[in-house]
Amino acid sequence: MSANLDLIRPTYEGTLAETRSNLRAALAADVEWTEAAGFPYAGTYAGPEAVFDGVFRRLAEEWIGYRADVHTYLADGDRVAAFGVYSGTYKATGKAMTASFAHLYEIREGRIVRMTQVVDSAIVNQALAA
């Protein structure tokens, strides 16, 4: 197994507290984290605090049981891809969803410097619609 894959896998696998802690530790100080256009948190976040405030804090506040379950990892040099399924229930509407995603990570010197999300945002947005 590659060191880069070993860096990414624990950011998905484990308890919520473990995965968040592992992700925070894996992010470079200048990380660029891009959520897909059409996704509720779309945009590029610069730096770990912006990532956690703009994405993960909101997921925790706005969703019940939000999860990102990976079924496949692919590692190629300084890139790791994670493919899986998001699931959760949007608090404001009570609607549940499951949506496929892909995350592409770029790693330098043992830290995540870039993440790009691809997601079926239409399914996610259906859960947000009243």
Protein backbone atom coordinates (compact mmCIF):
# COMPACT_ATOMS: atom_id res chain seq x y z
CA MET A 1 0.00 0.00 0.00
CA SER A 2 1.27 3.49 -0.78
CA ALA A 3 2.05 6.08 1.88
CA ASN A 4 -0.38 8.45 0.18
CA LEU A 5 -3.19 5.90 0.36
CA ASP A 6 -2.27 5.32 4.01
CA LEU A 7 -2.75 9.07 4.57
CA ILE A 8 -6.22 9.21 2.96
CA ARG A 9 -7.84 5.98 4.15
CA PRO A 10 -8.06 7.01 7.87
CA THR A 11 -9.83 10.24 6.90
CA TYR A 12 -12.85 8.07 5.96
CA GLU A 13 -12.51 4.98 8.15
CA GLY A 14 -13.16 5.12 11.89
CA THR A 15 -15.42 7.07 14.20
CA LEU A 16 -16.51 10.58 13.26
CA ALA A 17 -14.08 12.05 15.81
CA GLU A 18 -11.23 9.91 14.46
CA THR A 19 -11.87 10.72 10.81
CA ARG A 20 -12.12 14.46 11.48
CA SER A 21 -8.95 14.42 13.58
CA ASN A 22 -7.12 12.40 10.91
CA LEU A 23 -8.28 14.77 8.18
CA ARG A 24 -7.24 17.87 10.11
CA ALA A 25 -3.79 16.35 10.67
CA ALA A 26 -3.47 15.43 6.97
CA LEU A 27 -4.29 18.88 5.56
CA ALA A 28 -1.47 21.16 4.43
CA ALA A 29 -1.59 24.72 5.79
CA ASP A 30 -2.27 25.97 2.25
CA VAL A 31 -4.76 23.25 1.22
CA GLU A 32 -7.26 24.07 -1.54
CA TRP A 33 -10.50 22.14 -1.05
CA THR A 34 -13.04 22.35 -3.89
CA GLU A 35 -16.65 21.32 -3.43
CA ALA A 36 -18.44 20.73 -6.75
CA ALA A 37 -20.60 23.34 -8.48
CA GLY A 38 -24.23 22.62 -7.65
CA PHE A 39 -23.35 21.07 -4.27
CA PRO A 40 -24.77 23.02 -1.30
CA TYR A 41 -21.27 23.97 -0.10
CA ALA A 42 -19.84 24.63 -3.59
CA GLY A 43 -16.65 26.61 -3.88
CA THR A 44 -12.97 26.44 -3.09
CA TYR A 45 -11.87 26.75 0.52
CA ALA A 46 -8.28 27.76 1.31
CA GLY A 47 -6.69 26.48 4.51
CA PRO A 48 -7.82 23.93 7.11
CA GLU A 49 -9.99 26.35 9.10
CA ALA A 50 -11.91 27.41 6.00
CA VAL A 51 -12.43 23.74 5.07
CA PHE A 52 -13.76 22.83 8.50
CA ASP A 53 -15.88 25.97 8.92
CA GLY A 54 -17.24 26.05 5.37
CA VAL A 55 -17.86 22.33 4.89
CA PHE A 56 -17.60 20.04 7.90
CA ARG A 57 -19.16 22.31 10.53
CA ARG A 58 -22.11 22.91 8.20
CA LEU A 59 -22.50 19.20 7.48
CA ALA A 60 -22.62 18.51 11.22
CA GLU A 61 -25.12 21.31 11.89
CA GLU A 62 -27.43 20.82 8.90
CA TRP A 63 -27.58 17.02 8.51
CA ILE A 64 -28.50 14.01 10.62
CA GLY A 65 -26.24 11.01 10.18
CA TYR A 66 -24.28 12.48 7.26
CA ARG A 67 -21.72 9.94 6.04
CA ALA A 68 -19.19 9.48 3.25
CA ASP A 69 -18.68 5.74 2.76
CA VAL A 70 -15.86 4.83 0.39
CA HIS A 71 -16.06 1.61 -1.61
CA THR A 72 -12.93 2.11 -3.79
CA TYR A 73 -9.56 3.82 -3.43
CA LEU A 74 -7.08 4.29 -6.27
CA ALA A 75 -3.55 5.58 -5.75
CA ASP A 76 -1.29 6.87 -8.52
CA GLY A 77 1.84 8.73 -7.50
CA ASP A 78 0.93 11.93 -5.68
CA ARG A 79 -2.80 11.44 -6.29
CA VAL A 80 -5.39 9.34 -4.48
CA ALA A 81 -9.01 8.96 -5.57
CA ALA A 82 -11.79 7.86 -3.25
CA PHE A 83 -15.11 6.71 -4.70
CA GLY A 84 -18.18 6.17 -2.59
CA VAL A 85 -21.63 7.20 -1.45
CA TYR A 86 -22.82 10.10 0.68
CA SER A 87 -25.89 9.56 2.85
CA GLY A 88 -27.80 11.50 5.44
CA THR A 89 -31.02 13.33 6.27
CA TYR A 90 -31.30 17.09 5.84
CA LYS A 91 -32.62 18.50 9.12
CA ALA A 92 -34.65 21.35 7.63
CA THR A 93 -36.73 19.09 5.36
CA GLY A 94 -36.44 15.67 6.97
CA LYS A 95 -35.54 14.22 3.56
CA ALA A 96 -32.89 11.52 3.24
CA MET A 97 -30.50 11.06 0.33
CA THR A 98 -27.78 8.81 -0.99
CA ALA A 99 -25.52 10.21 -3.71
CA SER A 100 -22.40 8.90 -5.44
CA PHE A 101 -19.17 10.87 -5.11
CA ALA A 102 -15.54 10.90 -6.17
CA HIS A 103 -12.81 12.78 -4.35
CA LEU A 104 -9.43 13.38 -5.97
CA TYR A 105 -6.60 14.27 -3.60
CA GLU A 106 -3.20 15.69 -4.46
CA ILE A 107 -0.54 15.04 -1.87
CA ARG A 108 2.84 16.69 -1.35
CA GLU A 109 5.33 15.96 1.41
CA GLY A 110 2.83 13.81 3.30
CA ARG A 111 0.00 16.39 3.36
CA ILE A 112 -3.15 16.99 1.32
CA VAL A 113 -2.62 20.12 -0.79
CA ARG A 114 -5.71 19.83 -2.97
CA MET A 115 -9.06 18.01 -2.99
CA THR A 116 -11.58 18.13 -5.81
CA GLN A 117 -15.09 16.74 -5.34
CA VAL A 118 -17.34 15.27 -8.02
CA VAL A 119 -20.85 14.45 -6.81
CA ASP A 120 -24.37 13.80 -8.05
CA SER A 121 -25.50 17.13 -6.58
CA ALA A 122 -29.02 16.87 -8.02
CA ILE A 123 -29.80 14.06 -5.58
CA VAL A 124 -28.34 16.05 -2.67
CA ASN A 125 -30.34 19.13 -3.64
CA GLN A 126 -33.57 17.10 -3.75
CA ALA A 127 -33.12 16.51 -0.02
CA LEU A 128 -32.76 20.27 0.54
CA ALA A 129 -35.94 21.16 -1.38
CA ALA A 130 -39.01 21.74 0.75
